Amino acid sequence: MGHVLFFVFVVASCLLWSAACTAAAARTQRPWLRRLLAAIAVLAPVVTLAPFVAFTGFLAFVKQMPTNWFGPMLTTFLSAFIGGVWIVWAGLSQAHHAPLRFSSERVPLAARWPVIGLAAAFVMAKAVSFGTLLIIDNAVAAQAPYLRLEAAQIMQANLPPAVADADNAATLYHQVLPVIDAEPAFKDDTSPVWDRSFEITSPRVAEVLARHRSTLDVIRRAADIDVCRFHRDWTRPSIAMLLPEMQSLREAARLLALAARREAADGNLPGALRDVVRLQQMGRHAAAEPMLISALVGMAIDTMALDTLTEVLPRLRKADLPALDAEDIEDLVATVPPITRPFYGEEAFGLATLADIADGRLDPTALNHAMGGVKPVWSSPLTMPVLSLFRSFLLPNDIAGYRSIMHRYQAQITSHKPYADVMTSSKEIEEEIRNHSPGMFSSLLVPALGSVVRAHAQAEARHRAAAVLVAATRQRLETGELPVSLDELVPNPLSTVPRDPFTADQSLLMKRGNDSLLVYSIGYDGEDDGGPVAPGADRVEGNDDIGLQMAL
């Protein structure tokens, strides 16, 4: 009802403006001034409303947003234009006798209209329209506390358990992360920490590891702890919340991966395997925070662990078979970092951000700029009416659309369906968002959720490939020969041939060359591109195969 009243009073103010200008034009004796006032009477409302018609038309026909207000806005525009034209025509073309008894002069009908009264009525109608808009805006702003409460509840339900500092890996990480941040080697992509092609037995590697021996000890102790919960004000999730530990944690994992590779080269294979397990645990620590960026960092560290495992496996000897059969190695290849908790946490962050927009704490133009959009060129005072219109007419549907998108993704990742089905559903949601966006900022706040789902499927493919390589290594240690095909590993040491998560019913592919054994998935595009490139090598355009490569 409030929106209807708003449009009614906008039309009324436009018509009253036209009538006031026409009345002033009828009283002037100068033809040029009369024509100017008549033009202003018609064109001023048209010029004022035209940008809103264009904008709502853009939302309706370009963005194809289900809620765009183009119909009501076009109706208001046409009503103001047609009504203004009729008022000018009726007021200036129709005439009546002058009020003097003996005068035969005929004057325009609008000359009898009260200019001041019409101007006052125009101001009143305009004030009522703004007042109606303010009421609608305040009603939207009143939702903000409830959105924040909902966000806090979602976040609290998905946090890692609260534990004492002695049982929290974050306590130990905070001891070493400043050391990691201050180390130049972690900023230099030519250092052995970053460059995987660096000779692992070189003195430079030994020097880096010796310099950070105490740091590595603390990292290992932290990785051996089950729970990691960095202290943040999770009751107030915000898009501005900083995560300084994530990048440092990833660099700490690089140091531990370097140590594992050196241990394998030096013959300490059980120690190398333990550090590989610790690497994956660090990935779980990162992914434990209910944020998608944390999940992506966790999957990156998890990938680092599997790549390091492929360098350790070829060095194993028969005496190392018990270490390979350990329960933590089985858990390493079987457990993929989860993304359910981050998807729920991301909903909380989005709702909190939309709450900040609803009550004016966050300028949407600043949000757009912060997320890579165009920098706002207008000052806040000039944009306040426009932002009020956005909050009143578009934000409620933005909020509903954001919820709907997040719930659909959450339903997919918790459905336990095959990844091929989840990927198909994710692609359909992406296409719908692209062609029928539910809102302007829900599309900004919903990051590339489909790419996160794909990243998780890629992680699943790597873990299945790791299971194959561990089984192949076990066969080598028991029989002295690596398998030529996947079928040789069934039913022992593998019960079945692992399926490719990107397909409905196809298995992973395995290729054995002169110097390597490659196990891989055909990836998102569904085409066999010959296998993924080696770790650290340049990407090949069009090749999205995912897997692992082990030297022979």
Protein backbone atom coordinates (compact mmCIF):
# COMPACT_ATOMS: atom_id res chain seq x y z
CA MET A 1 0.00 0.00 0.00
CA GLY A 2 2.87 2.36 0.82
CA HIS A 3 4.39 1.95 -2.63
CA VAL A 4 1.02 2.68 -4.30
CA LEU A 5 0.62 5.89 -2.28
CA PHE A 6 4.14 6.92 -3.20
CA PHE A 7 3.45 6.64 -6.93
CA VAL A 8 0.08 8.39 -6.55
CA PHE A 9 1.62 11.40 -4.83
CA VAL A 10 4.49 11.51 -7.34
CA VAL A 11 1.94 11.77 -10.16
CA ALA A 12 -0.04 14.34 -8.17
CA SER A 13 3.05 16.49 -7.57
CA CYS A 14 3.95 16.33 -11.27
CA LEU A 15 0.44 17.43 -12.34
CA LEU A 16 0.33 20.21 -9.76
CA TRP A 17 3.69 21.44 -11.02
CA SER A 18 2.33 21.49 -14.57
CA ALA A 19 -0.77 23.36 -13.41
CA ALA A 20 1.24 25.96 -11.45
CA CYS A 21 3.56 26.63 -14.40
CA THR A 22 0.59 26.83 -16.78
CA ALA A 23 -1.17 29.32 -14.51
CA ALA A 24 1.99 31.47 -14.43
CA ALA A 25 2.28 31.23 -18.22
CA ALA A 26 -1.33 32.36 -18.68
CA ARG A 27 -0.64 35.55 -16.70
CA THR A 28 2.38 36.70 -18.65
CA GLN A 29 2.07 39.03 -21.66
CA ARG A 30 5.36 37.99 -23.22
CA PRO A 31 4.91 35.17 -25.78
CA TRP A 32 8.43 33.80 -25.38
CA LEU A 33 8.05 33.56 -21.62
CA ARG A 34 4.66 31.92 -21.97
CA ARG A 35 6.13 29.28 -24.29
CA LEU A 36 9.06 28.73 -21.94
CA LEU A 37 6.82 28.23 -18.93
CA ALA A 38 4.57 25.89 -20.92
CA ALA A 39 7.60 23.81 -21.92
CA ILE A 40 8.84 23.70 -18.32
CA ALA A 41 5.37 22.63 -17.20
CA VAL A 42 5.57 19.51 -19.38
CA LEU A 43 9.30 18.76 -19.57
CA ALA A 44 10.40 19.20 -15.94
CA PRO A 45 8.46 16.13 -14.67
CA VAL A 46 9.50 14.17 -17.77
CA VAL A 47 13.20 14.98 -17.29
CA THR A 48 12.96 14.15 -13.59
CA LEU A 49 11.28 10.77 -14.11
CA ALA A 50 13.10 9.67 -17.28
CA PRO A 51 16.28 8.39 -15.51
CA PHE A 52 14.17 6.21 -13.21
CA VAL A 53 12.25 4.81 -16.18
CA ALA A 54 15.55 4.05 -17.91
CA PHE A 55 17.01 2.46 -14.80
CA THR A 56 13.99 0.25 -14.11
CA GLY A 57 13.91 -0.64 -17.80
CA PHE A 58 17.55 -1.69 -17.57
CA LEU A 59 16.72 -3.91 -14.60
CA ALA A 60 13.72 -5.37 -16.41
CA PHE A 61 15.09 -6.02 -19.89
CA VAL A 62 18.89 -6.16 -19.52
CA LYS A 63 19.35 -7.62 -16.05
CA GLN A 64 15.95 -9.36 -16.30
CA MET A 65 15.36 -8.96 -12.58
CA PRO A 66 12.00 -10.44 -11.52
CA THR A 67 11.28 -7.36 -9.38
CA ASN A 68 12.17 -4.22 -11.32
CA TRP A 69 9.27 -1.71 -10.87
CA PHE A 70 9.37 -0.85 -14.57
CA GLY A 71 5.59 -1.12 -14.97
CA PRO A 72 4.65 1.28 -12.15
CA MET A 73 7.45 3.67 -13.12
CA LEU A 74 6.41 3.75 -16.77
CA THR A 75 2.78 4.31 -15.73
CA THR A 76 3.86 7.23 -13.52
CA PHE A 77 5.95 8.69 -16.35
CA LEU A 78 3.14 8.47 -18.90
CA SER A 79 0.59 9.84 -16.45
CA ALA A 80 2.80 12.85 -15.70
CA PHE A 81 3.53 13.45 -19.38
CA ILE A 82 0.02 13.00 -20.77
CA GLY A 83 -1.54 14.83 -17.84
CA GLY A 84 0.94 17.68 -18.18
CA VAL A 85 0.27 18.04 -21.91
CA TRP A 86 -3.48 18.09 -21.31
CA ILE A 87 -3.19 20.66 -18.52
CA VAL A 88 -1.09 22.98 -20.71
CA TRP A 89 -3.46 22.57 -23.65
CA ALA A 90 -6.60 23.06 -21.59
CA GLY A 91 -5.17 25.94 -19.60
CA LEU A 92 -3.74 27.95 -22.48
CA SER A 93 -5.89 27.12 -25.50
CA GLN A 94 -9.31 27.42 -23.91
CA ALA A 95 -10.34 30.97 -23.07
CA HIS A 96 -13.06 32.91 -21.33
CA HIS A 97 -14.12 36.58 -21.12
CA ALA A 98 -12.17 38.87 -18.88
CA PRO A 99 -13.85 39.63 -15.57
CA LEU A 100 -14.40 43.32 -16.53
CA ARG A 101 -18.08 43.93 -17.31
CA PHE A 102 -17.56 45.91 -20.51
CA SER A 103 -14.47 44.09 -21.78
CA SER A 104 -14.63 41.77 -24.75
CA GLU A 105 -11.03 40.47 -24.27
CA ARG A 106 -10.74 36.71 -23.91
CA VAL A 107 -7.99 35.37 -21.61
CA PRO A 108 -6.66 31.76 -21.10
CA LEU A 109 -8.58 29.58 -18.72
CA ALA A 110 -5.46 29.05 -16.60
CA ALA A 111 -5.38 32.75 -15.79
CA ARG A 112 -8.04 32.05 -13.18
CA TRP A 113 -5.99 29.28 -11.52
CA PRO A 114 -4.31 30.28 -8.25
CA VAL A 115 -0.56 30.12 -8.87
CA ILE A 116 0.42 30.32 -5.21
CA GLY A 117 -2.20 27.77 -4.19
CA LEU A 118 -1.08 25.32 -6.88
CA ALA A 119 2.60 25.82 -5.95
CA ALA A 120 1.78 25.20 -2.31
CA ALA A 121 -0.18 22.08 -3.24
CA PHE A 122 2.79 20.91 -5.34
CA VAL A 123 5.12 21.35 -2.35
CA MET A 124 2.69 19.48 -0.11
CA ALA A 125 2.30 16.59 -2.58
CA LYS A 126 6.08 16.41 -2.97
CA ALA A 127 6.51 16.41 0.81
CA VAL A 128 3.93 13.65 1.20
CA SER A 129 5.68 11.54 -1.46
CA PHE A 130 9.00 11.96 0.34
CA GLY A 131 7.33 11.24 3.65
CA THR A 132 5.83 8.06 2.23
CA LEU A 133 9.25 7.06 0.92
CA LEU A 134 10.76 7.75 4.33
CA ILE A 135 8.16 5.52 6.00
CA ILE A 136 8.91 2.67 3.57
CA ASP A 137 12.65 3.21 4.03
CA ASN A 138 12.30 3.12 7.81
CA ALA A 139 10.28 -0.10 7.56
CA VAL A 140 13.13 -1.67 5.61
CA ALA A 141 15.70 -0.30 8.09
CA ALA A 142 13.69 -1.85 10.93
CA GLN A 143 14.58 -5.29 9.52
CA ALA A 144 18.31 -4.67 10.05
CA PRO A 145 18.49 -5.75 13.73
CA TYR A 146 16.65 -8.98 12.93
CA LEU A 147 18.98 -9.67 10.01
CA ARG A 148 22.00 -9.16 12.25
CA LEU A 149 20.52 -11.42 14.91
CA GLU A 150 19.85 -14.10 12.29
CA ALA A 151 23.41 -13.73 10.98
CA ALA A 152 24.88 -14.06 14.46
CA GLN A 153 22.81 -17.18 15.16
CA ILE A 154 23.89 -18.80 11.89
CA MET A 155 27.51 -17.97 12.62
CA GLN A 156 27.42 -19.26 16.19
CA ALA A 157 25.86 -22.53 15.02
CA ASN A 158 28.72 -23.14 12.58
CA LEU A 159 31.78 -22.09 14.59
CA PRO A 160 34.41 -24.59 15.70
CA PRO A 161 33.94 -25.57 19.36
CA ALA A 162 35.29 -23.21 21.96
CA VAL A 163 38.28 -24.74 23.74
CA ALA A 164 40.91 -23.67 26.21
CA ASP A 165 43.99 -21.98 24.82
CA ALA A 166 46.10 -25.05 25.60
CA ASP A 167 43.84 -27.11 23.32
CA ASN A 168 43.56 -24.50 20.58
CA ALA A 169 45.97 -24.66 17.63
CA ALA A 170 45.39 -20.94 17.00
CA THR A 171 47.35 -20.12 20.15
CA LEU A 172 50.47 -21.74 18.70
CA TYR A 173 49.90 -20.33 15.23
CA HIS A 174 49.86 -16.83 16.69
CA GLN A 175 53.35 -17.48 18.03
CA VAL A 176 54.86 -18.25 14.63
CA LEU A 177 52.78 -16.32 12.10
CA PRO A 178 54.55 -13.01 12.86
CA VAL A 179 57.84 -14.79 12.18
CA ILE A 180 56.46 -16.05 8.89
CA ASP A 181 55.28 -12.55 7.94
CA ALA A 182 58.73 -11.10 8.64
CA GLU A 183 60.64 -13.73 6.60
CA PRO A 184 61.72 -12.40 3.15
CA ALA A 185 61.85 -15.93 1.71
CA PHE A 186 58.05 -16.14 1.94
CA LYS A 187 57.70 -13.06 -0.26
CA ASP A 188 60.25 -14.15 -2.87
CA ASP A 189 58.86 -16.52 -5.53
CA THR A 190 62.41 -17.59 -6.40
CA SER A 191 63.06 -18.94 -2.91
CA PRO A 192 62.86 -22.70 -2.25
CA VAL A 193 59.75 -22.10 -0.15
CA TRP A 194 57.86 -21.07 -3.29
CA ASP A 195 59.78 -22.66 -6.16
CA ARG A 196 59.03 -26.39 -6.24
CA SER A 197 61.58 -26.95 -9.00
CA PHE A 198 64.33 -25.93 -6.58
CA GLU A 199 66.77 -28.75 -5.87
CA ILE A 200 65.52 -30.13 -2.55
CA THR A 201 68.97 -31.32 -1.43
CA SER A 202 70.65 -27.95 -2.05
CA PRO A 203 72.41 -26.09 0.78
CA ARG A 204 69.99 -23.18 0.39
CA VAL A 205 67.07 -25.41 1.34
CA ALA A 206 69.02 -26.71 4.32
CA GLU A 207 69.81 -23.13 5.37
CA VAL A 208 66.14 -22.04 5.24
CA LEU A 209 65.01 -25.08 7.23
CA ALA A 210 67.77 -24.68 9.80
CA ARG A 211 66.93 -21.02 10.29
CA HIS A 212 63.30 -21.90 10.97
CA ARG A 213 63.81 -25.10 12.96
CA SER A 214 62.06 -23.68 16.04
CA THR A 215 59.27 -22.26 13.87
CA LEU A 216 58.73 -25.69 12.33
CA ASP A 217 58.54 -27.27 15.76
CA VAL A 218 55.73 -24.91 16.78
CA ILE A 219 53.92 -25.46 13.45
CA ARG A 220 54.06 -29.23 13.97
CA ARG A 221 52.73 -28.92 17.51
CA ALA A 222 49.89 -26.73 16.27
CA ALA A 223 49.04 -29.14 13.46
CA ASP A 224 48.83 -32.01 15.94
CA ILE A 225 45.97 -30.27 17.78
CA ASP A 226 42.48 -31.10 16.57
CA VAL A 227 40.71 -27.76 17.09
CA CYS A 228 41.71 -24.37 15.69
CA ARG A 229 39.59 -21.32 16.45
CA PHE A 230 41.00 -17.86 15.85
CA HIS A 231 39.53 -15.27 18.19
CA ARG A 232 37.19 -12.90 16.36
CA ASP A 233 33.93 -11.18 17.21
CA TRP A 234 31.81 -13.77 15.45
CA THR A 235 28.63 -12.28 16.97
CA ARG A 236 29.06 -9.39 14.53
CA PRO A 237 29.97 -10.89 11.16
CA SER A 238 30.96 -8.21 8.69
CA ILE A 239 32.30 -8.10 5.17
CA ALA A 240 35.03 -5.83 6.57
CA MET A 241 36.26 -8.53 8.96
CA LEU A 242 39.95 -9.10 8.29
CA LEU A 243 41.52 -12.55 8.13
CA PRO A 244 45.23 -11.82 8.48
CA GLU A 245 46.04 -15.38 9.55
CA MET A 246 44.91 -17.08 6.34
CA GLN A 247 47.74 -15.97 4.06
CA SER A 248 50.31 -16.48 6.80
CA LEU A 249 48.93 -19.95 7.51
CA ARG A 250 49.31 -20.84 3.85
CA GLU A 251 52.94 -19.69 3.89
CA ALA A 252 53.58 -21.69 7.05
CA ALA A 253 52.23 -24.73 5.20
CA ARG A 254 54.73 -24.09 2.40
CA LEU A 255 57.54 -24.22 4.95
CA LEU A 256 56.28 -27.51 6.38
CA ALA A 257 55.89 -28.95 2.84
CA LEU A 258 59.50 -27.99 2.13
CA ALA A 259 60.56 -29.75 5.34
CA ALA A 260 58.61 -32.90 4.38
CA ARG A 261 60.24 -33.05 0.97
CA ARG A 262 63.69 -32.61 2.50
CA GLU A 263 62.99 -35.33 5.07
CA ALA A 264 62.00 -37.70 2.26
CA ALA A 265 65.18 -36.86 0.35
CA ASP A 266 67.26 -37.48 3.48
CA GLY A 267 65.63 -40.88 4.03
CA ASN A 268 63.40 -39.93 6.98
CA LEU A 269 60.29 -41.24 5.24
CA PRO A 270 58.10 -41.86 8.33
CA GLY A 271 58.82 -38.27 9.41
CA ALA A 272 57.98 -37.01 5.92
CA LEU A 273 54.65 -38.88 5.96
CA ARG A 274 53.82 -37.45 9.38
CA ASP A 275 54.47 -33.93 8.10
CA VAL A 276 52.25 -34.59 5.08
CA VAL A 277 49.47 -35.57 7.48
CA ARG A 278 50.15 -32.40 9.45
CA LEU A 279 49.87 -30.38 6.25
CA GLN A 280 46.38 -31.69 5.67
CA GLN A 281 45.50 -30.95 9.28
CA MET A 282 46.60 -27.35 8.71
CA GLY A 283 44.22 -27.26 5.76
CA ARG A 284 41.43 -28.45 8.04
CA HIS A 285 42.32 -25.75 10.53
CA ALA A 286 42.00 -23.08 7.85
CA ALA A 287 38.75 -24.52 6.51
CA ALA A 288 37.25 -24.72 10.02
CA GLU A 289 36.38 -21.02 9.96
CA PRO A 290 32.88 -20.51 8.54
CA MET A 291 33.96 -18.42 5.56
CA LEU A 292 34.41 -19.35 1.92
CA ILE A 293 37.80 -17.67 1.68
CA SER A 294 38.96 -19.83 4.58
CA ALA A 295 37.59 -22.92 2.83
CA LEU A 296 39.52 -22.04 -0.33
CA VAL A 297 42.73 -21.55 1.66
CA GLY A 298 42.08 -24.88 3.37
CA MET A 299 41.68 -26.62 0.01
CA ALA A 300 44.86 -24.96 -1.28
CA ILE A 301 46.82 -26.31 1.69
CA ASP A 302 45.14 -29.70 1.23
CA THR A 303 46.32 -29.71 -2.39
CA MET A 304 49.81 -28.86 -1.14
CA ALA A 305 49.67 -31.89 1.14
CA LEU A 306 48.68 -34.26 -1.68
CA ASP A 307 51.33 -32.86 -4.04
CA THR A 308 53.94 -33.37 -1.32
CA LEU A 309 52.66 -36.91 -0.78
CA THR A 310 53.34 -37.71 -4.46
CA GLU A 311 56.98 -36.74 -3.90
CA VAL A 312 57.29 -38.91 -0.80
CA LEU A 313 55.64 -42.08 -2.16
CA PRO A 314 58.32 -42.97 -4.77
CA ARG A 315 60.99 -42.93 -2.06
CA LEU A 316 59.24 -45.45 0.20
CA ARG A 317 60.84 -48.83 0.66
CA LYS A 318 59.39 -52.12 1.85
CA ALA A 319 60.38 -51.34 5.42
CA ASP A 320 58.12 -48.25 5.25
CA LEU A 321 54.99 -50.26 4.50
CA PRO A 322 53.71 -50.06 8.10
CA ALA A 323 53.91 -46.27 7.94
CA LEU A 324 51.93 -46.29 4.68
CA ASP A 325 49.29 -48.54 6.24
CA ALA A 326 48.82 -46.21 9.21
CA GLU A 327 45.33 -44.97 9.95
CA ASP A 328 46.28 -41.33 9.51
CA ILE A 329 47.45 -41.99 5.93
CA GLU A 330 44.12 -43.64 5.16
CA ASP A 331 42.37 -40.62 6.65
CA LEU A 332 44.62 -38.33 4.62
CA VAL A 333 43.49 -39.70 1.26
CA ALA A 334 39.87 -40.26 2.28
CA THR A 335 38.97 -36.92 3.88
CA VAL A 336 38.23 -33.87 1.74
CA PRO A 337 38.04 -30.46 3.47
CA PRO A 338 34.32 -29.78 4.02
CA ILE A 339 32.56 -26.73 2.62
CA THR A 340 29.18 -27.05 4.36
CA ARG A 341 30.13 -24.86 7.33
CA PRO A 342 31.66 -22.08 5.16
CA PHE A 343 28.53 -21.96 2.98
CA TYR A 344 26.36 -21.35 6.05
CA GLY A 345 28.85 -18.81 7.39
CA GLU A 346 28.84 -16.99 4.06
CA GLU A 347 25.07 -16.60 4.34
CA ALA A 348 25.60 -14.93 7.73
CA PHE A 349 28.14 -12.50 6.29
CA GLY A 350 25.82 -11.62 3.42
CA LEU A 351 22.84 -11.02 5.71
CA ALA A 352 24.93 -8.82 8.00
CA THR A 353 26.11 -6.79 5.00
CA LEU A 354 22.57 -6.38 3.69
CA ALA A 355 21.54 -5.28 7.19
CA ASP A 356 24.22 -2.57 7.05
CA ILE A 357 22.80 -1.39 3.72
CA ALA A 358 19.25 -1.49 5.08
CA ASP A 359 19.92 0.94 7.94
CA GLY A 360 22.41 3.10 6.07
CA ARG A 361 25.60 1.97 7.81
CA LEU A 362 27.04 0.86 4.49
CA ASP A 363 26.77 2.78 1.23
CA PRO A 364 25.96 0.29 -1.58
CA THR A 365 28.11 2.28 -4.02
CA ALA A 366 31.06 1.88 -1.66
CA LEU A 367 30.30 -1.85 -1.42
CA ASN A 368 30.30 -2.13 -5.19
CA HIS A 369 33.66 -0.34 -5.36
CA ALA A 370 35.11 -2.52 -2.59
CA MET A 371 34.16 -5.66 -4.53
CA GLY A 372 35.82 -4.48 -7.73
CA GLY A 373 33.11 -2.28 -9.19
CA VAL A 374 33.21 1.33 -10.38
CA LYS A 375 34.31 3.89 -7.82
CA PRO A 376 31.38 6.11 -6.76
CA VAL A 377 31.62 9.61 -8.20
CA TRP A 378 28.76 11.24 -6.30
CA SER A 379 28.99 12.50 -2.78
CA SER A 380 26.79 10.89 -0.18
CA PRO A 381 24.40 13.87 0.29
CA LEU A 382 23.55 13.82 -3.41
CA THR A 383 22.97 10.09 -3.46
CA MET A 384 20.83 9.89 -0.33
CA PRO A 385 17.45 10.09 -2.18
CA VAL A 386 18.61 7.52 -4.73
CA LEU A 387 19.85 5.18 -1.98
CA SER A 388 16.56 5.61 -0.16
CA LEU A 389 14.72 4.59 -3.33
CA PHE A 390 17.00 1.57 -3.69
CA ARG A 391 16.44 0.47 -0.11
CA SER A 392 12.68 1.02 -0.33
CA PHE A 393 12.01 -0.66 -3.67
CA LEU A 394 14.86 -3.09 -4.42
CA LEU A 395 16.60 -4.11 -1.20
CA PRO A 396 13.79 -6.34 0.21
CA ASN A 397 13.93 -8.46 -2.93
CA ASP A 398 17.72 -8.43 -2.77
CA ILE A 399 17.53 -9.93 0.70
CA ALA A 400 14.96 -12.55 -0.33
CA GLY A 401 16.96 -13.41 -3.45
CA TYR A 402 20.19 -13.76 -1.49
CA ARG A 403 18.54 -16.12 0.99
CA SER A 404 17.06 -18.19 -1.83
CA ILE A 405 20.39 -18.54 -3.64
CA MET A 406 22.30 -19.48 -0.51
CA HIS A 407 19.68 -22.01 0.58
CA ARG A 408 19.69 -23.65 -2.84
CA TYR A 409 23.47 -24.01 -2.77
CA GLN A 410 23.36 -25.29 0.80
CA ALA A 411 20.75 -27.87 -0.19
CA GLN A 412 23.00 -29.06 -3.00
CA ILE A 413 26.15 -29.48 -0.94
CA THR A 414 24.30 -31.27 1.87
CA SER A 415 22.29 -33.55 -0.44
CA HIS A 416 24.98 -36.26 -0.65
CA LYS A 417 24.25 -36.52 -4.36
CA PRO A 418 27.01 -37.48 -6.80
CA TYR A 419 29.21 -34.54 -7.68
CA ALA A 420 28.09 -34.74 -11.30
CA ASP A 421 24.51 -34.01 -10.20
CA VAL A 422 25.63 -31.26 -7.81
CA MET A 423 27.68 -29.65 -10.56
CA THR A 424 24.71 -29.74 -12.93
CA SER A 425 22.47 -28.09 -10.33
CA SER A 426 25.17 -25.52 -9.56
CA LYS A 427 25.47 -24.65 -13.23
CA GLU A 428 21.69 -24.17 -13.47
CA ILE A 429 21.74 -21.81 -10.47
CA GLU A 430 24.62 -19.83 -12.00
CA GLU A 431 22.74 -19.53 -15.29
CA GLU A 432 19.61 -18.35 -13.49
CA ILE A 433 21.55 -15.73 -11.54
CA ARG A 434 23.23 -14.54 -14.72
CA ASN A 435 19.99 -14.28 -16.73
CA HIS A 436 17.48 -13.42 -13.99
CA SER A 437 19.38 -11.75 -11.18
CA PRO A 438 17.24 -11.57 -8.01
CA GLY A 439 18.81 -8.28 -6.98
CA MET A 440 21.62 -5.85 -7.60
CA PHE A 441 23.72 -6.55 -4.55
CA SER A 442 22.71 -10.12 -3.85
CA SER A 443 24.60 -10.92 -7.05
CA LEU A 444 27.63 -9.06 -5.68
CA LEU A 445 27.40 -10.63 -2.24
CA VAL A 446 26.98 -14.11 -3.66
CA PRO A 447 30.56 -14.68 -4.77
CA ALA A 448 31.50 -17.33 -7.30
CA LEU A 449 29.72 -20.01 -5.29
CA GLY A 450 29.70 -22.34 -8.27
CA SER A 451 33.48 -22.07 -8.51
CA VAL A 452 33.74 -23.09 -4.83
CA VAL A 453 31.60 -26.15 -5.55
CA ARG A 454 33.89 -26.95 -8.50
CA ALA A 455 36.97 -26.45 -6.31
CA HIS A 456 35.52 -28.95 -3.85
CA ALA A 457 34.89 -31.44 -6.66
CA GLN A 458 38.48 -30.92 -7.79
CA ALA A 459 39.65 -31.63 -4.25
CA GLU A 460 37.59 -34.83 -4.28
CA ALA A 461 39.20 -35.83 -7.59
CA ARG A 462 42.68 -35.25 -6.15
CA HIS A 463 41.90 -37.33 -3.08
CA ARG A 464 40.62 -40.20 -5.20
CA ALA A 465 43.76 -39.94 -7.32
CA ALA A 466 45.83 -39.97 -4.11
CA ALA A 467 44.04 -43.13 -3.01
CA VAL A 468 45.06 -44.74 -6.31
CA LEU A 469 48.69 -43.66 -5.96
CA VAL A 470 48.87 -44.92 -2.37
CA ALA A 471 47.39 -48.25 -3.50
CA ALA A 472 49.84 -48.39 -6.41
CA THR A 473 52.73 -47.69 -4.03
CA ARG A 474 51.49 -50.40 -1.68
CA GLN A 475 51.45 -52.86 -4.59
CA ARG A 476 54.99 -51.79 -5.53
CA LEU A 477 56.19 -52.37 -1.98
CA GLU A 478 54.51 -55.79 -1.84
CA THR A 479 55.21 -57.10 -5.36
CA GLY A 480 58.00 -54.91 -6.68
CA GLU A 481 55.89 -53.68 -9.64
CA LEU A 482 53.64 -50.71 -10.21
CA PRO A 483 50.27 -51.32 -11.89
CA VAL A 484 49.77 -50.62 -15.57
CA SER A 485 46.03 -50.10 -15.25
CA LEU A 486 43.52 -49.31 -12.51
CA ASP A 487 41.94 -52.74 -12.82
CA GLU A 488 45.12 -54.31 -11.43
CA LEU A 489 44.41 -52.65 -8.08
CA VAL A 490 40.95 -54.22 -7.68
CA PRO A 491 39.88 -55.92 -5.46
CA ASN A 492 43.11 -55.47 -3.49
CA PRO A 493 44.36 -53.00 -2.38
CA LEU A 494 41.35 -51.06 -3.78
CA SER A 495 37.85 -52.47 -3.43
CA THR A 496 36.59 -50.63 -6.53
CA VAL A 497 37.98 -48.36 -9.22
CA PRO A 498 37.48 -44.75 -8.06
CA ARG A 499 34.93 -42.80 -10.08
CA ASP A 500 35.56 -39.45 -11.68
CA PRO A 501 33.50 -36.97 -9.64
CA PHE A 502 32.96 -34.79 -12.72
CA THR A 503 31.16 -37.59 -14.58
CA ALA A 504 28.10 -39.71 -13.95
CA ASP A 505 29.62 -43.17 -14.36
CA GLN A 506 33.19 -42.95 -15.65
CA SER A 507 36.27 -43.86 -13.63
CA LEU A 508 39.43 -41.88 -13.11
CA LEU A 509 42.04 -42.22 -15.83
CA MET A 510 45.57 -43.51 -15.33
CA LYS A 511 48.56 -43.12 -17.59
CA ARG A 512 51.94 -44.69 -17.01
CA GLY A 513 54.84 -43.08 -18.80
CA ASN A 514 58.56 -43.68 -18.79
CA ASP A 515 59.14 -41.54 -15.72
CA SER A 516 55.77 -40.95 -14.05
CA LEU A 517 52.41 -42.40 -13.12
CA LEU A 518 49.50 -40.02 -13.72
CA VAL A 519 45.99 -40.42 -12.26
CA TYR A 520 43.43 -37.78 -13.14
CA SER A 521 39.86 -36.61 -13.73
CA ILE A 522 38.68 -35.10 -17.01
CA GLY A 523 37.51 -32.00 -15.16
CA TYR A 524 34.59 -29.62 -15.53
CA ASP A 525 34.57 -29.46 -19.33
CA GLY A 526 34.07 -33.25 -19.61
CA GLU A 527 36.96 -33.67 -22.05
CA ASP A 528 40.18 -35.61 -21.65
CA ASP A 529 42.97 -33.05 -22.15
CA GLY A 530 45.75 -35.57 -21.56
CA GLY A 531 46.07 -35.00 -17.86
CA PRO A 532 46.96 -32.00 -15.71
CA VAL A 533 50.23 -30.15 -15.91
CA ALA A 534 52.88 -30.91 -13.31
CA PRO A 535 52.88 -28.90 -10.04
CA GLY A 536 54.60 -25.56 -10.55
CA ALA A 537 54.38 -25.72 -14.36
CA ASP A 538 52.57 -23.09 -16.43
CA ARG A 539 48.88 -23.67 -17.03
CA VAL A 540 47.79 -24.86 -20.46
CA GLU A 541 44.85 -23.00 -21.97
CA GLY A 542 41.76 -25.20 -22.12
CA ASN A 543 43.23 -27.94 -19.92
CA ASP A 544 41.12 -28.37 -16.79
CA ASP A 545 42.06 -31.98 -16.02
CA ILE A 546 42.60 -32.53 -12.30
CA GLY A 547 44.81 -35.18 -10.75
CA LEU A 548 48.18 -36.16 -9.33
CA GLN A 549 51.46 -37.23 -10.87
CA MET A 550 53.98 -39.52 -9.16
CA ALA A 551 57.52 -40.05 -10.34
CA LEU A 552 58.58 -43.64 -11.03
